[in-house]
C-alpha cells in the first residue's frame, strides 16, 4: 500500500485522518512538533505502519525538506498542520499568525517540488475562516464557495486574536493557490 505524509498529525482533524488511513492499509508518516507528541501518538495508535518526523516549526524555510529526503516513498501528502497560537502578545500577532501560516503553507509544496518526485497528490486543508466574510456575518443571502474570500485586512485585526487567525488563514489559502499557479 502507498505511503502518506500528514503534517500536523497531532491535530484534531489530522488524528481522524491518520486513523482512517491506517484502517485502509496505508503507511503513514506524521509530522509533529516534538518527540513527546510522537510518543503519545505512538502509544495511542500502536501501529507499525505509523511513524513520525519531528518538525518543530512548520514556518521555518525548508521545514519539510528532511522529511521528504528521509522518505522518498511518500506518494501522497495531506497538509493539515495549522498555526494556532494562543494567549500571545498582540505585538507578536503578525509573525505568530500571518508570517508563520503563510510560510507553513508554502514550505510543504516547495519541499515536494525540490525533494519528492514520487508525490502524486497533495491535499491542503484550510479553514472556513479563509472564506467567511466577517463584515456581513448574518446575511441570509450570503453564499460561500471557492470564490468567496474573507475580506479582513490586517488593519481590521487590531488586538483581536480570532481575527488575526482568520486573516492569516485567508492569506495562507491565497498563497497556496498562488503556488499552484
Protein backbone atom coordinates (compact mmCIF):
# COMPACT_ATOMS: atom_id res chain seq x y z
CA UNK A 1 0.00 0.00 0.00
CA UNK A 2 1.10 3.61 -0.54
CA UNK A 3 2.81 5.92 1.92
CA UNK A 4 1.06 9.11 3.03
CA UNK A 5 2.61 12.06 4.82
CA UNK A 6 0.27 14.02 7.07
CA UNK A 7 1.55 17.25 8.55
CA UNK A 8 0.31 18.31 11.96
CA UNK A 9 -0.53 14.71 12.84
CA UNK A 10 -1.40 15.55 16.45
CA UNK A 11 -4.18 17.96 15.49
CA UNK A 12 -7.86 17.20 15.88
CA UNK A 13 -8.65 16.75 12.18
CA UNK A 14 -5.34 15.03 11.47
CA UNK A 15 -5.90 12.40 14.17
CA UNK A 16 -9.09 11.33 12.44
CA UNK A 17 -7.35 11.27 9.07
CA UNK A 18 -4.48 9.17 10.46
CA UNK A 19 -6.98 6.71 11.90
CA UNK A 20 -8.79 6.35 8.57
CA UNK A 21 -5.57 5.98 6.60
CA UNK A 22 -4.35 3.21 8.89
CA UNK A 23 -7.72 1.43 8.73
CA UNK A 24 -7.44 1.50 4.95
CA UNK A 25 -3.97 -0.06 4.89
CA UNK A 26 -1.77 2.96 4.20
CA UNK A 27 1.66 3.51 5.69
CA UNK A 28 1.51 6.88 7.45
CA UNK A 29 4.27 9.29 8.31
CA UNK A 30 3.08 12.10 10.54
CA UNK A 31 4.84 15.31 11.36
CA UNK A 32 4.63 16.61 14.92
CA UNK A 33 6.34 19.43 16.81
CA UNK A 34 8.09 17.27 19.42
CA UNK A 35 9.20 13.77 20.27
CA UNK A 36 6.84 13.92 23.28
CA UNK A 37 3.87 14.25 20.91
CA UNK A 38 5.22 11.43 18.75
CA UNK A 39 5.48 9.20 21.83
CA UNK A 40 1.89 9.93 22.86
CA UNK A 41 0.56 9.21 19.37
CA UNK A 42 2.64 6.04 19.03
CA UNK A 43 1.01 4.78 22.22
CA UNK A 44 -2.43 5.88 21.06
CA UNK A 45 -2.28 4.05 17.75
CA UNK A 46 0.24 1.27 18.49
CA UNK A 47 0.57 0.63 14.76
CA UNK A 48 3.80 -0.43 12.97
CA UNK A 49 2.73 1.35 9.77
CA UNK A 50 2.78 4.69 11.60
CA UNK A 51 5.95 6.69 12.17
CA UNK A 52 6.75 10.30 12.95
CA UNK A 53 9.11 13.03 11.88
CA UNK A 54 9.74 15.99 14.15
CA UNK A 55 9.14 19.39 12.53
CA UNK A 56 9.35 21.88 15.41
CA UNK A 57 8.38 24.94 13.38
CA UNK A 58 6.44 24.49 10.13
CA UNK A 59 7.05 28.17 9.35
CA UNK A 60 10.82 27.77 9.07
CA UNK A 61 12.09 27.75 5.46
CA UNK A 62 12.91 24.18 4.45
CA UNK A 63 10.99 22.79 7.42
CA UNK A 64 9.88 19.71 5.46
CA UNK A 65 12.99 19.15 3.30
CA UNK A 66 14.49 16.46 5.53
CA UNK A 67 11.17 14.65 5.85
CA UNK A 68 10.99 14.11 2.09
CA UNK A 69 14.69 13.32 1.85
CA UNK A 70 14.27 10.64 4.54
CA UNK A 71 11.16 9.16 2.91
CA UNK A 72 11.39 9.01 -0.90
CA UNK A 73 8.50 6.51 -0.84
CA UNK A 74 5.92 9.20 0.01
CA UNK A 75 3.26 9.31 -2.72
CA UNK A 76 0.50 11.32 -1.07
CA UNK A 77 0.61 14.38 1.18
CA UNK A 78 -2.12 15.77 3.39
CA UNK A 79 -1.11 19.15 4.77
CA UNK A 80 -3.23 19.52 7.91
CA UNK A 81 -0.78 21.45 10.08
CA UNK A 82 -2.23 24.71 11.30
CA UNK A 83 -0.72 27.52 13.28
CA UNK A 84 -2.91 28.10 16.35
CA UNK A 85 -1.04 30.30 18.79
CA UNK A 86 -2.98 31.32 21.84
CA UNK A 87 -2.52 33.93 24.52
CA UNK A 88 0.32 35.75 22.78
CA UNK A 89 1.07 39.44 22.95
CA UNK A 90 -0.75 41.43 20.25
CA UNK A 91 2.60 42.87 19.09
CA UNK A 92 3.53 39.32 18.04
CA UNK A 93 0.32 38.60 16.08
CA UNK A 94 1.78 39.44 12.68
CA UNK A 95 4.62 36.95 12.99
CA UNK A 96 2.80 34.31 15.03
CA UNK A 97 -0.28 34.21 12.82
CA UNK A 98 0.37 35.73 9.41
CA UNK A 99 4.02 35.03 8.65
CA UNK A 100 4.01 31.53 10.13
CA UNK A 101 0.71 30.50 8.48
CA UNK A 102 1.72 31.68 5.04
CA UNK A 103 5.21 30.20 5.27
CA UNK A 104 3.96 26.84 6.55
CA UNK A 105 1.52 26.69 3.66
CA UNK A 106 4.21 27.31 1.04
CA UNK A 107 7.03 25.34 2.71
CA UNK A 108 5.50 21.94 2.12
CA UNK A 109 4.86 22.31 -1.65
CA UNK A 110 8.34 23.80 -2.07
CA UNK A 111 9.83 20.73 -0.37
CA UNK A 112 7.68 18.43 -2.51
CA UNK A 113 8.86 20.22 -5.65
CA UNK A 114 12.52 20.00 -4.62
CA UNK A 115 12.76 16.60 -2.90
CA UNK A 116 9.72 14.41 -3.58
CA UNK A 117 9.39 13.36 -7.21
CA UNK A 118 7.17 10.40 -6.26
CA UNK A 119 4.37 12.51 -4.75
CA UNK A 120 1.25 12.05 -6.89
CA UNK A 121 -1.39 14.02 -4.97
CA UNK A 122 -1.48 16.74 -2.34
CA UNK A 123 -4.41 17.72 -0.14
CA UNK A 124 -4.22 21.10 1.54
CA UNK A 125 -6.65 21.55 4.40
CA UNK A 126 -7.80 25.06 5.15
CA UNK A 127 -10.46 26.68 7.28
CA UNK A 128 -13.79 28.33 6.77
CA UNK A 129 -12.04 31.36 8.28
CA UNK A 130 -10.42 31.82 4.86
CA UNK A 131 -13.85 32.14 3.24
CA UNK A 132 -16.09 33.87 5.75
CA UNK A 133 -16.97 37.49 5.25
CA UNK A 134 -16.95 38.84 8.78
CA UNK A 135 -18.36 42.18 7.65
CA UNK A 136 -21.72 40.55 6.89
CA UNK A 137 -21.92 37.59 9.32
CA UNK A 138 -25.70 37.32 9.42
CA UNK A 139 -26.58 37.92 5.77
CA UNK A 140 -29.05 35.09 4.98
CA UNK A 141 -28.49 35.54 1.24
CA UNK A 142 -24.71 35.01 1.50
CA UNK A 143 -23.34 32.08 -0.47
CA UNK A 144 -19.91 30.69 0.40
CA UNK A 145 -17.93 28.98 -2.37
CA UNK A 146 -14.35 28.51 -3.53
CA UNK A 147 -14.58 32.02 -4.96
CA UNK A 148 -15.60 33.60 -1.63
CA UNK A 149 -12.87 35.25 0.41
CA UNK A 150 -12.54 36.57 3.90
CA UNK A 151 -12.02 40.27 3.22
CA UNK A 152 -10.43 41.06 6.59
CA UNK A 153 -7.43 43.37 6.31
CA UNK A 154 -4.54 43.48 8.73
CA UNK A 155 -5.87 46.82 9.93
CA UNK A 156 -9.15 45.08 10.90
CA UNK A 157 -7.28 42.71 13.22
CA UNK A 158 -6.28 45.29 15.84
CA UNK A 159 -5.90 43.35 19.10
CA UNK A 160 -8.49 40.67 18.44
CA UNK A 161 -6.74 37.28 18.31
CA UNK A 162 -9.53 35.38 16.46
CA UNK A 163 -9.44 37.99 13.69
CA UNK A 164 -5.64 37.58 13.40
CA UNK A 165 -6.19 33.84 12.92
CA UNK A 166 -8.90 34.44 10.29
CA UNK A 167 -6.77 36.92 8.39
CA UNK A 168 -3.82 34.53 8.38
CA UNK A 169 -5.92 31.61 7.09
CA UNK A 170 -7.21 33.68 4.16
CA UNK A 171 -3.70 34.80 3.27
CA UNK A 172 -2.33 31.26 3.61
CA UNK A 173 -5.04 29.95 1.28
CA UNK A 174 -4.22 32.68 -1.26
CA UNK A 175 -0.54 31.71 -1.01
CA UNK A 176 -1.31 28.04 -1.64
CA UNK A 177 -3.37 28.87 -4.72
CA UNK A 178 -0.66 31.22 -5.97
CA UNK A 179 1.97 28.48 -5.57
CA UNK A 180 -0.11 26.03 -7.59
CA UNK A 181 -0.47 28.55 -10.42
